[in-house]
Amino acid sequence: MIRFENVSKGFAGLSVLTNLSFQVDQGMTVALLGLSGSGKTTALKLVCGLYFADQGRVLVNGKVIGVDQVSSLRRQIGYVIQDGGLFPHLNSYANLSIVGREAGLSSAEIRTRIDELATMTKISSQTLSQYPREVSGGQRQRIGIMRALFLNPPVLLLDEPFGSLDPITRGSLQEDLKLLFQELKQSVLLVTHDLFEAGYMAQKILLLEQGRIAQEGSLHDLIENPENDFVRLFVSSHRYPDLEVRR
């Protein structure tokens, strides 16, 4: 479970997040949606201890994220960035093995876990022997997801994981991940710019405007009942043929 309690964060005197409060329950996917610079990725980095709140509290499974808790809590968090974030000088199997070795697993345990994750994410043994430059963007992203899931963390953070993929690959990966998250029942926090991606992947959307929640709810709520001009403009900017925004 992830919980933000009146969290504020700034850099060099500029406010990025202001009194942000929300919760991601176990088994729930929440999407942080908004324009570039709205504070989405900053919120994600507060969860995994890359940043710390200036005011308020960020909690993971009931424990406050602070300097003393970072090392122990990070093993409870999987983090996926765009294009997988793999080490280019290691093949896919080695990229995954690092996580197991750091956790003290034996070679046999690592192999078993990689085989399990490969089945879950539809990755072949051939892909596991290849380097990141030798595989497609979708495969790199699946390897990155395998790495994030390696220790079966209760919390998963996704930072624009589909942004660099072509539409068909993107749709296939979205479908597979949505089913996987339902099966694993993790707390998932997804950062995206895409309204319809957020609506497909998440049970709840938080639309941020300059570090504050402009509106929260379902995709239907944002489209049919925008609470202010910013929400209305954001929704209408997604120009899909069948989309009509009530004004």
Protein backbone atom coordinates (compact mmCIF):
# COMPACT_ATOMS: atom_id res chain seq x y z
CA MET A 1 0.00 0.00 0.00
CA ILE A 2 1.19 3.51 -0.86
CA ARG A 3 -0.02 6.57 1.01
CA PHE A 4 0.73 10.28 0.54
CA GLU A 5 -0.23 12.55 3.44
CA ASN A 6 -0.14 16.28 2.61
CA VAL A 7 3.15 15.92 0.75
CA SER A 8 4.99 18.96 -0.58
CA LYS A 9 8.27 18.95 -2.49
CA GLY A 10 10.28 21.66 -4.20
CA PHE A 11 13.64 22.26 -5.83
CA ALA A 12 15.70 25.46 -5.77
CA GLY A 13 12.83 27.38 -4.29
CA LEU A 14 10.29 26.17 -6.86
CA SER A 15 7.31 24.13 -5.68
CA VAL A 16 6.75 20.85 -7.57
CA LEU A 17 4.19 19.12 -5.33
CA THR A 18 1.83 20.89 -2.92
CA ASN A 19 -0.17 19.14 -0.19
CA LEU A 20 -0.57 15.97 -2.24
CA SER A 21 -2.70 13.30 -0.56
CA PHE A 22 -3.85 9.98 -2.01
CA GLN A 23 -3.68 6.23 -1.40
CA VAL A 24 -3.01 3.14 -3.50
CA ASP A 25 -4.54 0.07 -1.83
CA GLN A 26 -3.27 -3.48 -2.27
CA GLY A 27 -4.27 -4.90 -5.63
CA MET A 28 -5.09 -1.46 -7.02
CA THR A 29 -3.54 0.41 -9.95
CA VAL A 30 -3.57 4.22 -9.74
CA ALA A 31 -2.44 6.42 -12.64
CA LEU A 32 -0.73 9.76 -12.14
CA LEU A 33 -1.71 11.74 -15.22
CA GLY A 34 -0.73 15.21 -16.32
CA LEU A 35 1.38 17.51 -18.43
CA SER A 36 5.18 17.52 -18.36
CA GLY A 37 6.33 19.25 -15.18
CA SER A 38 3.13 18.51 -13.25
CA GLY A 39 5.02 16.50 -10.60
CA LYS A 40 4.18 12.94 -11.66
CA THR A 41 7.72 11.53 -11.72
CA THR A 42 8.69 13.48 -8.60
CA ALA A 43 5.87 11.72 -6.75
CA LEU A 44 7.12 8.35 -8.00
CA LYS A 45 10.67 9.11 -6.83
CA LEU A 46 9.38 10.03 -3.40
CA VAL A 47 7.92 6.54 -3.06
CA CYS A 48 11.24 4.77 -3.72
CA GLY A 49 13.36 7.17 -1.68
CA LEU A 50 15.20 8.91 -4.51
CA TYR A 51 13.71 12.12 -3.11
CA PHE A 52 12.31 12.93 0.32
CA ALA A 53 9.30 15.07 1.15
CA ASP A 54 9.86 18.63 2.38
CA GLN A 55 6.56 18.45 4.22
CA GLY A 56 4.10 15.64 4.90
CA ARG A 57 4.71 11.90 4.77
CA VAL A 58 5.01 9.15 2.17
CA LEU A 59 4.30 5.66 3.50
CA VAL A 60 4.80 2.22 1.96
CA ASN A 61 3.05 -0.63 3.76
CA GLY A 62 2.62 1.56 6.81
CA LYS A 63 6.28 2.65 7.06
CA VAL A 64 7.34 6.23 6.46
CA ILE A 65 9.89 6.69 3.68
CA GLY A 66 12.94 8.27 5.29
CA VAL A 67 16.72 8.09 5.06
CA ASP A 68 16.95 5.28 7.64
CA GLN A 69 14.28 3.14 5.96
CA VAL A 70 15.30 3.44 2.31
CA SER A 71 17.50 0.34 2.02
CA SER A 72 14.99 -2.04 3.59
CA LEU A 73 11.96 -0.56 1.82
CA ARG A 74 13.50 -0.59 -1.66
CA ARG A 75 13.36 -4.38 -1.70
CA GLN A 76 9.59 -4.03 -1.39
CA ILE A 77 9.39 -1.79 -4.46
CA GLY A 78 9.80 -2.62 -8.15
CA TYR A 79 10.63 0.33 -10.43
CA VAL A 80 10.19 0.32 -14.21
CA ILE A 81 11.32 3.21 -16.40
CA GLN A 82 10.87 3.88 -20.12
CA ASP A 83 12.75 1.44 -22.39
CA GLY A 84 13.51 -0.88 -19.45
CA GLY A 85 16.61 0.86 -18.09
CA LEU A 86 18.80 -2.19 -18.77
CA PHE A 87 22.60 -2.30 -18.55
CA PRO A 88 23.75 -2.29 -22.21
CA HIS A 89 26.92 -4.34 -21.57
CA LEU A 90 24.97 -7.29 -20.07
CA ASN A 91 22.63 -9.69 -21.81
CA SER A 92 19.04 -9.98 -20.60
CA TYR A 93 19.72 -12.94 -18.33
CA ALA A 94 22.63 -11.14 -16.63
CA ASN A 95 20.52 -7.99 -16.20
CA LEU A 96 18.04 -10.10 -14.28
CA SER A 97 20.60 -12.16 -12.35
CA ILE A 98 22.01 -9.04 -10.67
CA VAL A 99 18.84 -8.66 -8.62
CA GLY A 100 18.94 -12.26 -7.45
CA ARG A 101 22.63 -12.14 -6.53
CA GLU A 102 22.17 -8.96 -4.50
CA ALA A 103 19.34 -10.69 -2.63
CA GLY A 104 21.61 -13.66 -1.84
CA LEU A 105 19.88 -16.22 -4.06
CA SER A 106 21.73 -19.23 -5.44
CA SER A 107 22.27 -19.75 -9.18
CA ALA A 108 19.57 -22.43 -9.19
CA GLU A 109 17.09 -20.14 -7.42
CA ILE A 110 17.88 -17.34 -9.86
CA ARG A 111 17.31 -19.64 -12.84
CA THR A 112 13.99 -20.83 -11.43
CA ARG A 113 12.78 -17.29 -10.82
CA ILE A 114 13.84 -16.11 -14.28
CA ASP A 115 12.00 -19.04 -15.87
CA GLU A 116 8.85 -18.14 -13.90
CA LEU A 117 9.03 -14.49 -14.90
CA ALA A 118 9.78 -15.31 -18.54
CA THR A 119 6.57 -17.34 -18.67
CA MET A 120 4.60 -14.51 -17.04
CA THR A 121 5.91 -11.85 -19.42
CA LYS A 122 6.11 -14.00 -22.58
CA ILE A 123 9.89 -13.74 -23.01
CA SER A 124 11.73 -16.51 -24.89
CA SER A 125 15.00 -18.18 -23.87
CA GLN A 126 16.59 -16.70 -27.00
CA THR A 127 15.75 -13.17 -25.84
CA LEU A 128 17.31 -13.89 -22.45
CA SER A 129 20.65 -14.59 -24.14
CA GLN A 130 20.59 -11.37 -26.17
CA TYR A 131 21.83 -7.87 -25.31
CA PRO A 132 19.45 -4.88 -25.01
CA ARG A 133 20.56 -3.50 -28.40
CA GLU A 134 19.67 -6.82 -30.04
CA VAL A 135 16.02 -6.94 -28.97
CA SER A 136 12.95 -4.82 -29.68
CA GLY A 137 11.68 -2.00 -27.48
CA GLY A 138 8.79 -4.15 -26.32
CA GLN A 139 11.13 -6.97 -25.32
CA ARG A 140 13.41 -4.56 -23.45
CA GLN A 141 10.41 -3.27 -21.55
CA ARG A 142 9.30 -6.80 -20.66
CA ILE A 143 12.81 -7.57 -19.37
CA GLY A 144 12.65 -4.37 -17.30
CA ILE A 145 9.33 -5.51 -15.86
CA MET A 146 10.81 -8.96 -15.09
CA ARG A 147 13.61 -7.24 -13.19
CA ALA A 148 11.16 -5.10 -11.21
CA LEU A 149 9.10 -8.19 -10.31
CA PHE A 150 12.10 -10.40 -9.48
CA LEU A 151 11.76 -10.21 -5.68
CA ASN A 152 7.94 -10.21 -5.85
CA PRO A 153 7.62 -6.71 -4.37
CA PRO A 154 4.22 -5.64 -3.03
CA VAL A 155 4.61 -2.21 -4.67
CA LEU A 156 5.34 -1.53 -8.34
CA LEU A 157 6.18 1.87 -9.84
CA LEU A 158 5.91 2.45 -13.61
CA ASP A 159 7.31 5.65 -15.14
CA GLU A 160 6.00 6.05 -18.72
CA PRO A 161 6.68 2.34 -19.43
CA PHE A 162 4.95 2.34 -22.82
CA GLY A 163 6.02 5.74 -24.12
CA SER A 164 8.64 4.64 -26.66
CA LEU A 165 6.68 1.71 -28.13
CA ASP A 166 4.77 1.46 -31.40
CA PRO A 167 0.95 1.26 -31.05
CA ILE A 168 0.61 -2.49 -31.60
CA THR A 169 3.44 -3.40 -29.22
CA ARG A 170 2.13 -0.88 -26.73
CA GLY A 171 -1.38 -2.33 -26.81
CA SER A 172 -0.15 -5.90 -26.42
CA LEU A 173 2.06 -5.02 -23.45
CA GLN A 174 -0.71 -3.00 -21.78
CA GLU A 175 -3.09 -5.95 -22.07
CA ASP A 176 -0.54 -8.43 -20.69
CA LEU A 177 0.44 -6.20 -17.79
CA LYS A 178 -3.12 -5.43 -16.80
CA LEU A 179 -3.85 -9.16 -16.52
CA LEU A 180 -0.57 -9.73 -14.66
CA PHE A 181 -1.30 -7.00 -12.11
CA GLN A 182 -4.74 -8.47 -11.48
CA GLU A 183 -3.13 -11.84 -10.84
CA LEU A 184 -0.31 -10.59 -8.59
CA LYS A 185 -2.52 -8.13 -6.62
CA GLN A 186 0.24 -5.56 -6.19
CA SER A 187 -0.11 -1.85 -5.44
CA VAL A 188 0.78 -0.21 -8.76
CA LEU A 189 1.48 3.49 -9.34
CA LEU A 190 1.66 4.37 -13.04
CA VAL A 191 2.91 7.66 -14.51
CA THR A 192 1.61 8.54 -17.96
CA HIS A 193 0.68 11.47 -20.22
CA ASP A 194 -1.99 9.44 -21.99
CA LEU A 195 -5.57 9.75 -20.78
CA PHE A 196 -6.79 6.54 -22.40
CA GLU A 197 -3.80 4.52 -21.26
CA ALA A 198 -4.53 5.68 -17.71
CA GLY A 199 -8.18 4.75 -18.11
CA TYR A 200 -7.36 1.28 -19.43
CA MET A 201 -4.66 0.38 -16.91
CA ALA A 202 -5.90 1.99 -13.69
CA GLN A 203 -8.92 1.77 -11.42
CA LYS A 204 -8.38 5.40 -10.42
CA ILE A 205 -6.82 8.39 -12.20
CA LEU A 206 -5.21 11.38 -10.47
CA LEU A 207 -4.90 14.27 -12.92
CA LEU A 208 -2.19 16.63 -11.66
CA GLU A 209 -1.93 20.33 -12.43
CA GLN A 210 1.21 22.08 -11.16
CA GLY A 211 1.72 19.64 -8.33
CA ARG A 212 -1.87 19.49 -7.15
CA ILE A 213 -4.72 17.09 -7.91
CA ALA A 214 -7.01 18.82 -10.40
CA GLN A 215 -9.42 15.88 -10.38
CA GLU A 216 -9.47 12.23 -9.39
CA GLY A 217 -11.75 9.46 -10.49
CA SER A 218 -12.36 7.12 -13.41
CA LEU A 219 -11.87 7.84 -17.09
CA HIS A 220 -15.63 8.28 -17.35
CA ASP A 221 -15.56 10.87 -14.53
CA LEU A 222 -12.92 12.99 -16.26
CA ILE A 223 -14.63 12.84 -19.67
CA GLU A 224 -18.23 13.28 -18.58
CA ASN A 225 -17.82 15.46 -15.49
CA PRO A 226 -14.68 17.63 -15.74
CA GLU A 227 -14.44 19.72 -12.57
CA ASN A 228 -12.64 22.73 -14.03
CA ASP A 229 -11.33 24.29 -17.23
CA PHE A 230 -7.94 22.57 -16.98
CA VAL A 231 -9.51 19.11 -16.82
CA ARG A 232 -11.83 19.98 -19.71
CA LEU A 233 -8.89 21.22 -21.81
CA PHE A 234 -6.72 18.20 -20.96
CA VAL A 235 -9.47 15.76 -21.93
CA SER A 236 -10.37 17.58 -25.14
CA SER A 237 -6.69 17.61 -26.22
CA HIS A 238 -6.89 13.82 -26.67
CA ARG A 239 -8.45 14.03 -30.11
CA TYR A 240 -9.88 10.60 -30.68
CA PRO A 241 -12.64 10.44 -33.34
CA ASP A 242 -15.37 9.18 -31.03
CA LEU A 243 -14.53 11.46 -28.11
CA GLU A 244 -16.99 14.20 -27.34
CA VAL A 245 -16.39 16.40 -24.33
CA ARG A 246 -19.45 17.99 -22.84
CA ARG A 247 -18.95 21.71 -22.39
